[in-house]
Amino acid sequence: MRNLSKPGSATICIRTLLLCVIPLFLIQVSYGDEEQTVESILEHADYYSQETWEHGKALELLYEALEQHPDNDDILWRISRAYADSAEILQKIENAEEDTIESYYQTAREYAERAIEANPENSMAYTRLAVATGQIALYKGIWSAISLVKDTRDAVEKALELDESNNIAHFVYARSHHAVSQRPRLVRRPLGLGWANMDTALKHFDKAIELRPDFIMYRLDAARAFIEEDEYERAYELLAKIPDLENQTRFDDTYREEAQQLLAEIENE
């Protein structure tokens, strides 16, 4: 008669297998819960940043997450975005001192650089670096901050290399070419800024709008550039749709008024 008090070799193998598999399963569940927690925080931060425009609340959430995940590139570039968006509010609504506004953009730049260091393949990290650097260049004056202008171009080109569908990067690239093209190429070339041209600006304005057709600021800035090139029909087309678009930023009511005024100015062109 077989002794049932001792497990057979098959039973031992099964138990051994379970002892190996169960810890792995628990590790995977724990990791999944951790990732879901980070994802949830990012979703809430995006809501505060993009829907209610409460950038302070977004930063509070992001800093809490950063304590647990100091090398998370998606947290880092969102902190950069929150500082850049706060700087815009300080500038356009609160009329803060220029030094204060620039310091916010400097902080935004630092966090974007940290995001790139954490993940050199993150397109949004380079985009946020381009946004912050470009704004600092504007504050200093692009003709006295040429290295910053070049850094902006390099960052946004890398962002587009990593993700051609990045609408923000297309818009920043268009703006960069537009701003630098305001002076003749013969003047710009000795400064290393001969690369900028309006054709490229218009092309990337169009691409940004193609990717995000409901964003008012894209249409307004693009229309201004097309008007400079006497392309009134395209400008009119872009502006005429703005009244039907919903607000997506804190400044869209102002942009809407500017678009309406611009539309009236070119109506007979």
Protein backbone atom coordinates (compact mmCIF):
# COMPACT_ATOMS: atom_id res chain seq x y z
CA MET A 1 0.00 0.00 0.00
CA ARG A 2 1.39 3.44 -0.99
CA ASN A 3 2.42 5.75 1.85
CA LEU A 4 0.28 8.90 1.48
CA SER A 5 2.02 10.78 4.25
CA LYS A 6 4.93 11.72 2.00
CA PRO A 7 4.39 13.77 -1.16
CA GLY A 8 5.47 12.26 -4.43
CA SER A 9 8.00 13.82 -6.77
CA ALA A 10 5.25 15.31 -8.97
CA THR A 11 3.67 17.05 -5.97
CA ILE A 12 7.04 18.43 -4.91
CA CYS A 13 7.66 19.83 -8.41
CA ILE A 14 4.27 21.55 -8.46
CA ARG A 15 4.87 23.11 -5.05
CA THR A 16 8.33 24.26 -6.10
CA LEU A 17 6.91 25.79 -9.27
CA LEU A 18 4.23 27.63 -7.32
CA LEU A 19 6.80 28.99 -4.90
CA CYS A 20 8.65 30.45 -7.88
CA VAL A 21 5.64 31.74 -9.79
CA ILE A 22 3.64 33.33 -6.96
CA PRO A 23 6.35 35.85 -5.96
CA LEU A 24 6.75 36.83 -9.60
CA PHE A 25 2.99 37.31 -9.86
CA LEU A 26 2.98 39.47 -6.74
CA ILE A 27 5.84 41.56 -8.10
CA GLN A 28 3.96 42.12 -11.37
CA VAL A 29 0.78 43.12 -9.54
CA SER A 30 2.72 45.49 -7.30
CA TYR A 31 4.45 47.02 -10.33
CA GLY A 32 1.16 47.39 -12.15
CA ASP A 33 -0.43 49.14 -9.17
CA GLU A 34 2.54 51.51 -8.97
CA GLU A 35 2.31 52.36 -12.66
CA GLN A 36 -1.43 52.91 -12.39
CA THR A 37 -0.85 55.28 -9.48
CA VAL A 38 1.61 57.36 -11.51
CA GLU A 39 -0.73 57.32 -14.49
CA SER A 40 -3.61 58.48 -12.30
CA ILE A 41 -1.55 61.34 -10.89
CA LEU A 42 -0.55 62.43 -14.38
CA GLU A 43 -4.19 62.37 -15.50
CA HIS A 44 -5.21 64.56 -12.56
CA ALA A 45 -2.31 66.92 -13.17
CA ASP A 46 -3.29 67.19 -16.84
CA TYR A 47 -6.84 68.00 -15.78
CA TYR A 48 -5.68 70.85 -13.56
CA SER A 49 -3.22 72.14 -16.17
CA GLN A 50 -5.34 71.83 -19.30
CA GLU A 51 -8.97 71.91 -18.15
CA THR A 52 -9.21 74.17 -15.09
CA TRP A 53 -5.87 75.98 -15.55
CA GLU A 54 -5.00 75.54 -11.87
CA HIS A 55 -1.28 75.12 -12.35
CA GLY A 56 -0.53 75.37 -8.64
CA LYS A 57 -2.65 72.29 -7.97
CA ALA A 58 -0.99 70.48 -10.85
CA LEU A 59 2.44 71.27 -9.42
CA GLU A 60 1.43 70.06 -5.97
CA LEU A 61 0.44 66.68 -7.38
CA LEU A 62 3.49 66.43 -9.59
CA TYR A 63 5.95 67.26 -6.82
CA GLU A 64 4.38 64.60 -4.60
CA ALA A 65 4.80 62.08 -7.40
CA LEU A 66 8.36 63.23 -8.05
CA GLU A 67 9.36 62.39 -4.48
CA GLN A 68 8.54 58.75 -5.20
CA HIS A 69 9.72 58.75 -8.83
CA PRO A 70 12.55 61.30 -9.15
CA ASP A 71 13.59 60.10 -12.61
CA ASN A 72 10.17 59.88 -14.23
CA ASP A 73 10.43 61.91 -17.45
CA ASP A 74 6.65 62.32 -17.83
CA ILE A 75 6.42 63.91 -14.39
CA LEU A 76 9.41 66.15 -15.08
CA TRP A 77 8.22 67.57 -18.40
CA ARG A 78 4.79 68.24 -16.91
CA ILE A 79 6.40 70.26 -14.14
CA SER A 80 8.18 72.22 -16.87
CA ARG A 81 4.85 72.82 -18.60
CA ALA A 82 3.21 74.01 -15.38
CA TYR A 83 5.95 76.58 -14.78
CA ALA A 84 5.81 77.83 -18.37
CA ASP A 85 2.02 78.14 -18.24
CA SER A 86 2.25 79.94 -14.88
CA ALA A 87 4.75 82.35 -16.39
CA GLU A 88 2.27 83.17 -19.15
CA ILE A 89 -0.38 83.96 -16.56
CA LEU A 90 2.07 86.15 -14.64
CA GLN A 91 2.80 88.01 -17.86
CA LYS A 92 -0.65 88.41 -19.40
CA ILE A 93 -2.92 88.63 -16.36
CA GLU A 94 -0.95 89.57 -13.27
CA ASN A 95 1.53 91.96 -14.95
CA ALA A 96 4.39 90.58 -12.88
CA GLU A 97 7.95 91.84 -13.03
CA GLU A 98 9.93 90.61 -16.02
CA ASP A 99 12.58 89.07 -13.77
CA THR A 100 9.91 87.00 -12.02
CA ILE A 101 8.44 85.81 -15.29
CA GLU A 102 11.84 84.91 -16.68
CA SER A 103 12.70 82.99 -13.52
CA TYR A 104 9.63 80.80 -14.07
CA TYR A 105 10.76 80.06 -17.61
CA GLN A 106 14.25 79.28 -16.31
CA THR A 107 12.77 76.76 -13.90
CA ALA A 108 10.68 75.32 -16.72
CA ARG A 109 13.85 74.91 -18.75
CA GLU A 110 15.66 73.14 -15.91
CA TYR A 111 12.90 70.57 -15.48
CA ALA A 112 12.73 69.95 -19.22
CA GLU A 113 16.47 69.28 -19.20
CA ARG A 114 16.00 66.83 -16.34
CA ALA A 115 13.25 65.09 -18.31
CA ILE A 116 15.60 64.71 -21.28
CA GLU A 117 18.33 63.38 -19.04
CA ALA A 118 15.87 60.82 -17.65
CA ASN A 119 14.69 59.80 -21.12
CA PRO A 120 16.49 61.15 -24.22
CA GLU A 121 13.75 59.65 -26.43
CA ASN A 122 10.85 61.69 -25.02
CA SER A 123 9.55 64.08 -27.67
CA MET A 124 7.54 66.15 -25.19
CA ALA A 125 10.60 66.72 -23.02
CA TYR A 126 12.39 68.34 -25.97
CA THR A 127 9.23 70.29 -26.83
CA ARG A 128 9.03 71.73 -23.33
CA LEU A 129 12.72 72.62 -23.50
CA ALA A 130 12.09 74.45 -26.76
CA VAL A 131 9.11 76.33 -25.30
CA ALA A 132 10.98 77.48 -22.20
CA THR A 133 14.20 78.34 -24.04
CA GLY A 134 12.32 80.21 -26.76
CA GLN A 135 10.49 82.33 -24.20
CA ILE A 136 13.73 83.19 -22.40
CA ALA A 137 15.19 84.23 -25.76
CA LEU A 138 12.20 86.51 -26.37
CA TYR A 139 12.65 88.16 -22.97
CA LYS A 140 16.32 88.75 -23.57
CA GLY A 141 15.70 89.78 -27.19
CA ILE A 142 16.34 87.16 -29.86
CA TRP A 143 19.04 89.26 -31.52
CA SER A 144 21.04 89.42 -28.30
CA ALA A 145 20.33 85.81 -27.32
CA ILE A 146 21.30 84.05 -30.52
CA SER A 147 22.59 80.92 -28.78
CA LEU A 148 19.20 80.49 -27.10
CA VAL A 149 17.45 80.81 -30.46
CA LYS A 150 19.66 78.08 -31.87
CA ASP A 151 19.04 75.92 -28.79
CA THR A 152 15.30 76.35 -29.32
CA ARG A 153 15.59 75.24 -32.93
CA ASP A 154 17.74 72.22 -32.02
CA ALA A 155 15.36 71.10 -29.28
CA VAL A 156 12.24 71.34 -31.41
CA GLU A 157 13.89 69.61 -34.36
CA LYS A 158 14.78 66.73 -32.03
CA ALA A 159 11.19 66.66 -30.77
CA LEU A 160 9.90 66.34 -34.35
CA GLU A 161 12.51 63.71 -35.18
CA LEU A 162 11.16 61.62 -32.31
CA ASP A 163 7.47 62.27 -33.06
CA GLU A 164 6.28 63.83 -36.31
CA SER A 165 2.72 63.98 -34.95
CA ASN A 166 3.70 66.34 -32.12
CA ASN A 167 1.47 69.33 -32.90
CA ILE A 168 3.05 71.55 -30.24
CA ALA A 169 6.50 70.97 -31.71
CA HIS A 170 5.27 71.88 -35.21
CA PHE A 171 3.79 75.09 -33.80
CA VAL A 172 6.95 76.05 -31.90
CA TYR A 173 9.04 75.32 -34.99
CA ALA A 174 6.76 77.52 -37.10
CA ARG A 175 6.97 80.33 -34.57
CA SER A 176 10.75 80.09 -34.44
CA HIS A 177 11.10 80.43 -38.21
CA HIS A 178 8.53 83.22 -38.26
CA ALA A 179 10.21 85.25 -35.51
CA VAL A 180 13.73 84.94 -36.90
CA SER A 181 12.57 85.69 -40.45
CA GLN A 182 11.53 89.19 -39.45
CA ARG A 183 14.98 90.42 -40.43
CA PRO A 184 16.55 90.03 -43.90
CA ARG A 185 18.58 86.89 -44.45
CA LEU A 186 21.66 88.92 -45.38
CA VAL A 187 21.59 90.38 -41.88
CA ARG A 188 20.88 87.03 -40.22
CA ARG A 189 23.34 84.82 -42.09
CA PRO A 190 26.53 86.13 -40.43
CA LEU A 191 24.86 85.47 -37.07
CA GLY A 192 24.17 81.84 -37.95
CA LEU A 193 20.43 82.45 -38.33
CA GLY A 194 20.19 82.14 -42.11
CA TRP A 195 18.27 78.86 -41.71
CA ALA A 196 14.96 80.58 -40.88
CA ASN A 197 12.44 81.18 -43.67
CA MET A 198 8.75 81.96 -43.99
CA ASP A 199 7.98 79.00 -46.24
CA THR A 200 9.01 76.64 -43.46
CA ALA A 201 7.03 78.67 -40.93
CA LEU A 202 3.84 78.49 -42.99
CA LYS A 203 4.31 74.79 -43.66
CA HIS A 204 4.60 73.96 -39.97
CA PHE A 205 1.76 76.28 -38.97
CA ASP A 206 -0.42 74.33 -41.39
CA LYS A 207 0.80 71.02 -39.99
CA ALA A 208 0.10 72.05 -36.40
CA ILE A 209 -3.43 73.06 -37.40
CA GLU A 210 -3.94 69.85 -39.34
CA LEU A 211 -3.02 67.88 -36.22
CA ARG A 212 -5.07 70.06 -33.88
CA PRO A 213 -7.64 72.02 -35.91
CA ASP A 214 -9.67 73.18 -32.89
CA PHE A 215 -6.89 75.14 -31.16
CA ILE A 216 -7.52 78.88 -31.46
CA MET A 217 -3.97 80.13 -30.86
CA TYR A 218 -2.59 78.03 -33.72
CA ARG A 219 -5.04 79.56 -36.15
CA LEU A 220 -4.50 83.12 -34.94
CA ASP A 221 -0.70 83.03 -35.12
CA ALA A 222 -0.77 81.24 -38.47
CA ALA A 223 -3.20 83.81 -39.89
CA ARG A 224 -0.86 86.64 -38.91
CA ALA A 225 2.01 84.91 -40.72
CA PHE A 226 -0.08 84.30 -43.85
CA ILE A 227 -1.17 87.95 -43.90
CA GLU A 228 2.48 89.01 -43.85
CA GLU A 229 2.91 86.96 -47.01
CA ASP A 230 -0.23 88.53 -48.57
CA GLU A 231 -1.99 85.16 -48.49
CA TYR A 232 -5.27 86.68 -47.35
CA GLU A 233 -7.52 83.87 -48.51
CA ARG A 234 -5.75 81.32 -46.32
CA ALA A 235 -5.70 83.75 -43.39
CA TYR A 236 -9.42 84.42 -43.79
CA GLU A 237 -10.14 80.70 -43.89
CA LEU A 238 -8.24 80.15 -40.64
CA LEU A 239 -9.84 83.06 -38.79
CA ALA A 240 -13.40 82.46 -39.98
CA LYS A 241 -13.64 79.15 -38.10
CA ILE A 242 -12.48 80.51 -34.74
CA PRO A 243 -15.94 81.71 -33.55
CA ASP A 244 -17.16 78.11 -33.70
CA LEU A 245 -14.32 76.70 -31.58
CA GLU A 246 -14.50 76.06 -27.84
CA ASN A 247 -12.08 77.64 -25.40
CA GLN A 248 -9.11 75.44 -24.50
CA THR A 249 -6.85 77.93 -22.76
CA ARG A 250 -7.34 80.71 -20.25
CA PHE A 251 -6.59 83.28 -22.95
CA ASP A 252 -8.90 82.07 -25.70
CA ASP A 253 -11.49 84.82 -25.21
CA THR A 254 -8.73 87.37 -25.84
CA TYR A 255 -7.47 85.41 -28.85
CA ARG A 256 -11.03 85.24 -30.16
CA GLU A 257 -11.38 89.03 -29.99
CA GLU A 258 -8.02 89.51 -31.72
CA ALA A 259 -9.06 87.09 -34.45
CA GLN A 260 -12.32 88.93 -35.01
CA GLN A 261 -10.50 92.26 -35.32
CA LEU A 262 -7.96 90.78 -37.72
CA LEU A 263 -10.73 89.22 -39.79
CA ALA A 264 -12.41 92.62 -40.15
CA GLU A 265 -9.11 94.19 -41.26
CA ILE A 266 -8.57 91.73 -44.12
CA GLU A 267 -12.18 91.27 -45.16
CA ASN A 268 -11.79 93.44 -48.26
CA GLU A 269 -8.32 92.27 -49.24
